Amino acid sequence: RVPVIQAYRLPDPHAPGAPLNTASPAFRAINP
């Protein structure tokens, strides 16, 4: 299980060092 967190839980999901989240390009490559 890869713990992808919901982007809305983060103050800035696109910030450097942000955890893998539903807005992360790496996850969007799996589920657009």
PDB file of all heavy atoms in Angstrom:
ATOM      1  N   ARG A   1       0.847  -1.188   0.000  1.00  0.00           N
ATOM      2  CA  ARG A   1       0.000   0.000   0.000  1.00  0.00           C
ATOM      3  C   ARG A   1       0.878   1.232   0.000  1.00  0.00           C
ATOM      4  O   ARG A   1       1.715   1.409   0.881  1.00  0.00           O
ATOM      5  CB  ARG A   1      -0.954   0.025   1.197  1.00  0.00           C
ATOM      6  CG  ARG A   1      -1.967   1.170   1.106  1.00  0.00           C
ATOM      7  CD  ARG A   1      -3.135   0.955   2.053  1.00  0.00           C
ATOM      8  NE  ARG A   1      -2.678   0.717   3.399  1.00  0.00           N
ATOM      9  CZ  ARG A   1      -2.289   1.684   4.238  1.00  0.00           C
ATOM     10  NH1 ARG A   1      -2.276   2.951   3.825  1.00  0.00           N
ATOM     11  NH2 ARG A   1      -1.902   1.401   5.452  1.00  0.00           N
ATOM     12  N   VAL A   2       0.698   2.062  -1.003  1.00  0.00           N
ATOM     13  CA  VAL A   2       1.434   3.321  -1.137  1.00  0.00           C
ATOM     14  C   VAL A   2       0.529   4.424  -0.591  1.00  0.00           C
ATOM     15  O   VAL A   2      -0.554   4.668  -1.140  1.00  0.00           O
ATOM     16  CB  VAL A   2       1.800   3.589  -2.604  1.00  0.00           C
ATOM     17  CG1 VAL A   2       2.495   4.948  -2.737  1.00  0.00           C
ATOM     18  CG2 VAL A   2       2.671   2.472  -3.156  1.00  0.00           C
ATOM     19  N   PRO A   3       0.921   5.096   0.486  1.00  0.00           N
ATOM     20  CA  PRO A   3       0.022   6.047   1.156  1.00  0.00           C
ATOM     21  C   PRO A   3      -0.091   7.388   0.437  1.00  0.00           C
ATOM     22  O   PRO A   3       0.517   8.392   0.836  1.00  0.00           O
ATOM     23  CB  PRO A   3       0.643   6.190   2.547  1.00  0.00           C
ATOM     24  CG  PRO A   3       2.094   5.936   2.335  1.00  0.00           C
ATOM     25  CD  PRO A   3       2.182   4.910   1.224  1.00  0.00           C
ATOM     26  N   VAL A   4      -0.881   7.406  -0.603  1.00  0.00           N
ATOM     27  CA  VAL A   4      -1.168   8.658  -1.308  1.00  0.00           C
ATOM     28  C   VAL A   4      -2.223   9.414  -0.501  1.00  0.00           C
ATOM     29  O   VAL A   4      -3.312   8.895  -0.238  1.00  0.00           O
ATOM     30  CB  VAL A   4      -1.699   8.374  -2.727  1.00  0.00           C
ATOM     31  CG1 VAL A   4      -1.997   9.692  -3.457  1.00  0.00           C
ATOM     32  CG2 VAL A   4      -0.720   7.521  -3.511  1.00  0.00           C
ATOM     33  N   ILE A   5      -1.919  10.642  -0.112  1.00  0.00           N
ATOM     34  CA  ILE A   5      -2.832  11.447   0.706  1.00  0.00           C
ATOM     35  C   ILE A   5      -3.654  12.375  -0.189  1.00  0.00           C
ATOM     36  O   ILE A   5      -3.216  12.748  -1.292  1.00  0.00           O
ATOM     37  CB  ILE A   5      -2.037  12.254   1.768  1.00  0.00           C
ATOM     38  CG1 ILE A   5      -2.958  12.831   2.832  1.00  0.00           C
ATOM     39  CG2 ILE A   5      -1.191  13.344   1.107  1.00  0.00           C
ATOM     40  CD1 ILE A   5      -2.216  13.424   4.014  1.00  0.00           C
ATOM     41  N   GLN A   6      -4.837  12.727   0.269  1.00  0.00           N
ATOM     42  CA  GLN A   6      -5.670  13.653  -0.492  1.00  0.00           C
ATOM     43  C   GLN A   6      -5.026  15.039  -0.501  1.00  0.00           C
ATOM     44  O   GLN A   6      -4.566  15.538   0.530  1.00  0.00           O
ATOM     45  CB  GLN A   6      -7.075  13.751   0.109  1.00  0.00           C
ATOM     46  CG  GLN A   6      -7.836  12.442   0.138  1.00  0.00           C
ATOM     47  CD  GLN A   6      -7.724  11.722   1.473  1.00  0.00           C
ATOM     48  OE1 GLN A   6      -6.690  11.790   2.141  1.00  0.00           O
ATOM     49  NE2 GLN A   6      -8.786  11.035   1.863  1.00  0.00           N
ATOM     50  N   ALA A   7      -5.021  15.670  -1.659  1.00  0.00           N
ATOM     51  CA  ALA A   7      -4.397  16.993  -1.797  1.00  0.00           C
ATOM     52  C   ALA A   7      -5.031  18.013  -0.866  1.00  0.00           C
ATOM     53  O   ALA A   7      -4.345  18.911  -0.348  1.00  0.00           O
ATOM     54  CB  ALA A   7      -4.496  17.460  -3.251  1.00  0.00           C
ATOM     55  N   TYR A   8      -6.342  17.899  -0.613  1.00  0.00           N
ATOM     56  CA  TYR A   8      -7.003  18.907   0.216  1.00  0.00           C
ATOM     57  C   TYR A   8      -6.541  18.867   1.665  1.00  0.00           C
ATOM     58  O   TYR A   8      -6.767  19.822   2.420  1.00  0.00           O
ATOM     59  CB  TYR A   8      -8.529  18.759   0.135  1.00  0.00           C
ATOM     60  CG  TYR A   8      -9.098  17.520   0.810  1.00  0.00           C
ATOM     61  CD1 TYR A   8      -9.241  17.455   2.202  1.00  0.00           C
ATOM     62  CD2 TYR A   8      -9.527  16.435   0.058  1.00  0.00           C
ATOM     63  CE1 TYR A   8      -9.774  16.332   2.814  1.00  0.00           C
ATOM     64  CE2 TYR A   8     -10.048  15.315   0.667  1.00  0.00           C
ATOM     65  CZ  TYR A   8     -10.180  15.266   2.041  1.00  0.00           C
ATOM     66  OH  TYR A   8     -10.698  14.152   2.647  1.00  0.00           O
ATOM     67  N   ARG A   9      -5.887  17.799   2.086  1.00  0.00           N
ATOM     68  CA  ARG A   9      -5.378  17.730   3.458  1.00  0.00           C
ATOM     69  C   ARG A   9      -4.080  18.524   3.650  1.00  0.00           C
ATOM     70  O   ARG A   9      -3.626  18.690   4.778  1.00  0.00           O
ATOM     71  CB  ARG A   9      -5.112  16.270   3.851  1.00  0.00           C
ATOM     72  CG  ARG A   9      -6.356  15.398   3.975  1.00  0.00           C
ATOM     73  CD  ARG A   9      -5.969  14.011   4.470  1.00  0.00           C
ATOM     74  NE  ARG A   9      -7.086  13.096   4.539  1.00  0.00           N
ATOM     75  CZ  ARG A   9      -7.891  12.955   5.592  1.00  0.00           C
ATOM     76  NH1 ARG A   9      -7.702  13.700   6.657  1.00  0.00           N
ATOM     77  NH2 ARG A   9      -8.882  12.078   5.559  1.00  0.00           N
ATOM     78  N   LEU A  10      -3.485  18.981   2.562  1.00  0.00           N
ATOM     79  CA  LEU A  10      -2.181  19.632   2.626  1.00  0.00           C
ATOM     80  C   LEU A  10      -2.309  21.129   2.373  1.00  0.00           C
ATOM     81  O   LEU A  10      -3.103  21.553   1.529  1.00  0.00           O
ATOM     82  CB  LEU A  10      -1.241  19.020   1.579  1.00  0.00           C
ATOM     83  CG  LEU A  10      -1.006  17.507   1.704  1.00  0.00           C
ATOM     84  CD1 LEU A  10      -0.252  16.994   0.484  1.00  0.00           C
ATOM     85  CD2 LEU A  10      -0.247  17.187   2.980  1.00  0.00           C
ATOM     86  N   PRO A  11      -1.514  21.959   3.063  1.00  0.00           N
ATOM     87  CA  PRO A  11      -1.572  23.402   2.811  1.00  0.00           C
ATOM     88  C   PRO A  11      -1.150  23.758   1.390  1.00  0.00           C
ATOM     89  O   PRO A  11      -1.687  24.690   0.796  1.00  0.00           O
ATOM     90  CB  PRO A  11      -0.621  23.989   3.855  1.00  0.00           C
ATOM     91  CG  PRO A  11       0.229  22.855   4.317  1.00  0.00           C
ATOM     92  CD  PRO A  11      -0.587  21.618   4.168  1.00  0.00           C
ATOM     93  N   ASP A  12      -0.167  23.026   0.859  1.00  0.00           N
ATOM     94  CA  ASP A  12       0.267  23.250  -0.523  1.00  0.00           C
ATOM     95  C   ASP A  12       0.722  21.912  -1.095  1.00  0.00           C
ATOM     96  O   ASP A  12       1.876  21.507  -0.914  1.00  0.00           O
ATOM     97  CB  ASP A  12       1.403  24.265  -0.581  1.00  0.00           C
ATOM     98  CG  ASP A  12       1.829  24.566  -2.016  1.00  0.00           C
ATOM     99  OD1 ASP A  12       1.272  23.946  -2.956  1.00  0.00           O
ATOM    100  OD2 ASP A  12       2.733  25.393  -2.205  1.00  0.00           O
ATOM    101  N   PRO A  13      -0.164  21.211  -1.781  1.00  0.00           N
ATOM    102  CA  PRO A  13       0.191  19.891  -2.298  1.00  0.00           C
ATOM    103  C   PRO A  13       1.287  19.909  -3.346  1.00  0.00           C
ATOM    104  O   PRO A  13       1.890  18.872  -3.627  1.00  0.00           O
ATOM    105  CB  PRO A  13      -1.124  19.375  -2.897  1.00  0.00           C
ATOM    106  CG  PRO A  13      -1.929  20.592  -3.171  1.00  0.00           C
ATOM    107  CD  PRO A  13      -1.554  21.583  -2.110  1.00  0.00           C
ATOM    108  N   HIS A  14       1.561  21.088  -3.905  1.00  0.00           N
ATOM    109  CA  HIS A  14       2.591  21.197  -4.942  1.00  0.00           C
ATOM    110  C   HIS A  14       3.931  21.704  -4.390  1.00  0.00           C
ATOM    111  O   HIS A  14       4.887  21.872  -5.153  1.00  0.00           O
ATOM    112  CB  HIS A  14       2.120  22.138  -6.055  1.00  0.00           C
ATOM    113  CG  HIS A  14       0.867  21.681  -6.730  1.00  0.00           C
ATOM    114  ND1 HIS A  14       0.823  20.598  -7.577  1.00  0.00           N
ATOM    115  CD2 HIS A  14      -0.404  22.167  -6.648  1.00  0.00           C
ATOM    116  CE1 HIS A  14      -0.416  20.436  -8.015  1.00  0.00           C
ATOM    117  NE2 HIS A  14      -1.175  21.354  -7.478  1.00  0.00           N
ATOM    118  N   ALA A  15       3.993  21.921  -3.093  1.00  0.00           N
ATOM    119  CA  ALA A  15       5.234  22.448  -2.499  1.00  0.00           C
ATOM    120  C   ALA A  15       6.357  21.424  -2.606  1.00  0.00           C
ATOM    121  O   ALA A  15       6.120  20.218  -2.564  1.00  0.00           O
ATOM    122  CB  ALA A  15       4.997  22.798  -1.032  1.00  0.00           C
ATOM    123  N   PRO A  16       7.603  21.894  -2.748  1.00  0.00           N
ATOM    124  CA  PRO A  16       8.736  20.962  -2.722  1.00  0.00           C
ATOM    125  C   PRO A  16       8.732  20.189  -1.404  1.00  0.00           C
ATOM    126  O   PRO A  16       8.536  20.750  -0.330  1.00  0.00           O
ATOM    127  CB  PRO A  16       9.960  21.886  -2.809  1.00  0.00           C
ATOM    128  CG  PRO A  16       9.437  23.137  -3.439  1.00  0.00           C
ATOM    129  CD  PRO A  16       8.031  23.290  -2.949  1.00  0.00           C
ATOM    130  N   GLY A  17       8.902  18.900  -1.504  1.00  0.00           N
ATOM    131  CA  GLY A  17       8.906  18.069  -0.309  1.00  0.00           C
ATOM    132  C   GLY A  17       7.537  17.650   0.177  1.00  0.00           C
ATOM    133  O   GLY A  17       7.435  16.947   1.187  1.00  0.00           O
ATOM    134  N   ALA A  18       6.468  18.078  -0.506  1.00  0.00           N
ATOM    135  CA  ALA A  18       5.122  17.638  -0.121  1.00  0.00           C
ATOM    136  C   ALA A  18       5.022  16.128  -0.287  1.00  0.00           C
ATOM    137  O   ALA A  18       5.593  15.548  -1.219  1.00  0.00           O
ATOM    138  CB  ALA A  18       4.071  18.330  -0.973  1.00  0.00           C
ATOM    139  N   PRO A  19       4.310  15.461   0.603  1.00  0.00           N
ATOM    140  CA  PRO A  19       4.162  14.011   0.457  1.00  0.00           C
ATOM    141  C   PRO A  19       3.380  13.656  -0.805  1.00  0.00           C
ATOM    142  O   PRO A  19       2.666  14.499  -1.371  1.00  0.00           O
ATOM    143  CB  PRO A  19       3.386  13.608   1.715  1.00  0.00           C
ATOM    144  CG  PRO A  19       2.670  14.851   2.144  1.00  0.00           C
ATOM    145  CD  PRO A  19       3.573  15.987   1.762  1.00  0.00           C
ATOM    146  N   LEU A  20       3.543  12.434  -1.246  1.00  0.00           N
ATOM    147  CA  LEU A  20       2.804  11.957  -2.420  1.00  0.00           C
ATOM    148  C   LEU A  20       1.318  12.160  -2.168  1.00  0.00           C
ATOM    149  O   LEU A  20       0.784  11.723  -1.149  1.00  0.00           O
ATOM    150  CB  LEU A  20       3.123  10.488  -2.663  1.00  0.00           C
ATOM    151  CG  LEU A  20       2.509   9.858  -3.918  1.00  0.00           C
ATOM    152  CD1 LEU A  20       3.085  10.490  -5.188  1.00  0.00           C
ATOM    153  CD2 LEU A  20       2.762   8.346  -3.920  1.00  0.00           C
ATOM    154  N   ASN A  21       0.665  12.844  -3.089  1.00  0.00           N
ATOM    155  CA  ASN A  21      -0.739  13.170  -2.887  1.00  0.00           C
ATOM    156  C   ASN A  21      -1.485  13.104  -4.214  1.00  0.00           C
ATOM    157  O   ASN A  21      -0.891  12.863  -5.269  1.00  0.00           O
ATOM    158  CB  ASN A  21      -0.875  14.541  -2.223  1.00  0.00           C
ATOM    159  CG  ASN A  21      -0.375  15.669  -3.091  1.00  0.00           C
ATOM    160  OD1 ASN A  21      -1.063  16.113  -4.004  1.00  0.00           O
ATOM    161  ND2 ASN A  21       0.849  16.152  -2.823  1.00  0.00           N
ATOM    162  N   THR A  22      -2.787  13.325  -4.135  1.00  0.00           N
ATOM    163  CA  THR A  22      -3.618  13.123  -5.321  1.00  0.00           C
ATOM    164  C   THR A  22      -3.380  14.160  -6.411  1.00  0.00           C
ATOM    165  O   THR A  22      -3.870  13.995  -7.536  1.00  0.00           O
ATOM    166  CB  THR A  22      -5.104  13.129  -4.931  1.00  0.00           C
ATOM    167  OG1 THR A  22      -5.400  14.311  -4.160  1.00  0.00           O
ATOM    168  CG2 THR A  22      -5.443  11.902  -4.100  1.00  0.00           C
ATOM    169  N   ALA A  23      -2.637  15.222  -6.095  1.00  0.00           N
ATOM    170  CA  ALA A  23      -2.258  16.203  -7.115  1.00  0.00           C
ATOM    171  C   ALA A  23      -0.847  15.987  -7.641  1.00  0.00           C
ATOM    172  O   ALA A  23      -0.423  16.671  -8.582  1.00  0.00           O
ATOM    173  CB  ALA A  23      -2.389  17.619  -6.552  1.00  0.00           C
ATOM    174  N   SER A  24      -0.117  15.065  -7.062  1.00  0.00           N
ATOM    175  CA  SER A  24       1.276  14.833  -7.468  1.00  0.00           C
ATOM    176  C   SER A  24       1.338  14.256  -8.881  1.00  0.00           C
ATOM    177  O   SER A  24       0.584  13.326  -9.210  1.00  0.00           O
ATOM    178  CB  SER A  24       1.953  13.845  -6.509  1.00  0.00           C
ATOM    179  OG  SER A  24       1.990  14.340  -5.194  1.00  0.00           O
ATOM    180  N   PRO A  25       2.231  14.779  -9.726  1.00  0.00           N
ATOM    181  CA  PRO A  25       2.363  14.216 -11.072  1.00  0.00           C
ATOM    182  C   PRO A  25       2.623  12.707 -11.065  1.00  0.00           C
ATOM    183  O   PRO A  25       2.127  11.986 -11.940  1.00  0.00           O
ATOM    184  CB  PRO A  25       3.546  14.998 -11.657  1.00  0.00           C
ATOM    185  CG  PRO A  25       3.528  16.307 -10.921  1.00  0.00           C
ATOM    186  CD  PRO A  25       3.075  15.973  -9.530  1.00  0.00           C
ATOM    187  N   ALA A  26       3.378  12.229 -10.080  1.00  0.00           N
ATOM    188  CA  ALA A  26       3.668  10.786 -10.031  1.00  0.00           C
ATOM    189  C   ALA A  26       2.406   9.969  -9.840  1.00  0.00           C
ATOM    190  O   ALA A  26       2.263   8.886 -10.411  1.00  0.00           O
ATOM    191  CB  ALA A  26       4.655  10.500  -8.895  1.00  0.00           C
ATOM    192  N   PHE A  27       1.471  10.487  -9.028  1.00  0.00           N
ATOM    193  CA  PHE A  27       0.215   9.754  -8.860  1.00  0.00           C
ATOM    194  C   PHE A  27      -0.717   9.987 -10.033  1.00  0.00           C
ATOM    195  O   PHE A  27      -1.416   9.074 -10.473  1.00  0.00           O
ATOM    196  CB  PHE A  27      -0.487  10.150  -7.553  1.00  0.00           C
ATOM    197  CG  PHE A  27      -1.803   9.442  -7.395  1.00  0.00           C
ATOM    198  CD1 PHE A  27      -1.850   8.064  -7.206  1.00  0.00           C
ATOM    199  CD2 PHE A  27      -2.999  10.138  -7.475  1.00  0.00           C
ATOM    200  CE1 PHE A  27      -3.066   7.394  -7.101  1.00  0.00           C
ATOM    201  CE2 PHE A  27      -4.215   9.484  -7.361  1.00  0.00           C
ATOM    202  CZ  PHE A  27      -4.246   8.104  -7.170  1.00  0.00           C
ATOM    203  N   ARG A  28      -0.737  11.211 -10.569  1.00  0.00           N
ATOM    204  CA  ARG A  28      -1.609  11.487 -11.727  1.00  0.00           C
ATOM    205  C   ARG A  28      -1.232  10.625 -12.929  1.00  0.00           C
ATOM    206  O   ARG A  28      -2.064  10.368 -13.800  1.00  0.00           O
ATOM    207  CB  ARG A  28      -1.532  12.971 -12.091  1.00  0.00           C
ATOM    208  CG  ARG A  28      -2.226  13.901 -11.101  1.00  0.00           C
ATOM    209  CD  ARG A  28      -3.718  13.663 -11.051  1.00  0.00           C
ATOM    210  NE  ARG A  28      -4.399  14.532 -10.122  1.00  0.00           N
ATOM    211  CZ  ARG A  28      -5.213  15.535 -10.469  1.00  0.00           C
ATOM    212  NH1 ARG A  28      -5.449  15.779 -11.745  1.00  0.00           N
ATOM    213  NH2 ARG A  28      -5.811  16.249  -9.544  1.00  0.00           N
ATOM    214  N   ALA A  29       0.013  10.161 -12.969  1.00  0.00           N
ATOM    215  CA  ALA A  29       0.405   9.243 -14.043  1.00  0.00           C
ATOM    216  C   ALA A  29      -0.286   7.889 -13.880  1.00  0.00           C
ATOM    217  O   ALA A  29      -0.468   7.159 -14.858  1.00  0.00           O
ATOM    218  CB  ALA A  29       1.920   9.059 -14.040  1.00  0.00           C
ATOM    219  N   ILE A  30      -0.668   7.559 -12.651  1.00  0.00           N
ATOM    220  CA  ILE A  30      -1.378   6.313 -12.391  1.00  0.00           C
ATOM    221  C   ILE A  30      -2.881   6.509 -12.546  1.00  0.00           C
ATOM    222  O   ILE A  30      -3.565   5.721 -13.194  1.00  0.00           O
ATOM    223  CB  ILE A  30      -1.041   5.802 -10.975  1.00  0.00           C
ATOM    224  CG1 ILE A  30       0.443   5.454 -10.912  1.00  0.00           C
ATOM    225  CG2 ILE A  30      -1.904   4.605 -10.579  1.00  0.00           C
ATOM    226  CD1 ILE A  30       0.984   5.323  -9.520  1.00  0.00           C
ATOM    227  N   ASN A  31      -3.414   7.573 -11.947  1.00  0.00           N
ATOM    228  CA  ASN A  31      -4.832   7.895 -12.088  1.00  0.00           C
ATOM    229  C   ASN A  31      -4.967   9.364 -12.471  1.00  0.00           C
ATOM    230  O   ASN A  31      -4.868  10.245 -11.618  1.00  0.00           O
ATOM    231  CB  ASN A  31      -5.594   7.628 -10.789  1.00  0.00           C
ATOM    232  CG  ASN A  31      -7.083   7.918 -10.947  1.00  0.00           C
ATOM    233  OD1 ASN A  31      -7.557   8.263 -12.026  1.00  0.00           O
ATOM    234  ND2 ASN A  31      -7.835   7.785  -9.866  1.00  0.00           N
ATOM    235  N   PRO A  32      -5.183   9.647 -13.739  1.00  0.00           N
ATOM    236  CA  PRO A  32      -5.274  11.038 -14.186  1.00  0.00           C
ATOM    237  C   PRO A  32      -6.408  11.812 -13.524  1.00  0.00           C
ATOM    238  O   PRO A  32      -6.393  13.044 -13.507  1.00  0.00           O
ATOM    239  CB  PRO A  32      -5.508  10.910 -15.701  1.00  0.00           C
ATOM    240  CG  PRO A  32      -5.015   9.545 -16.057  1.00  0.00           C
ATOM    241  CD  PRO A  32      -5.272   8.688 -14.860  1.00  0.00           C
TER     242      PRO A  32
END
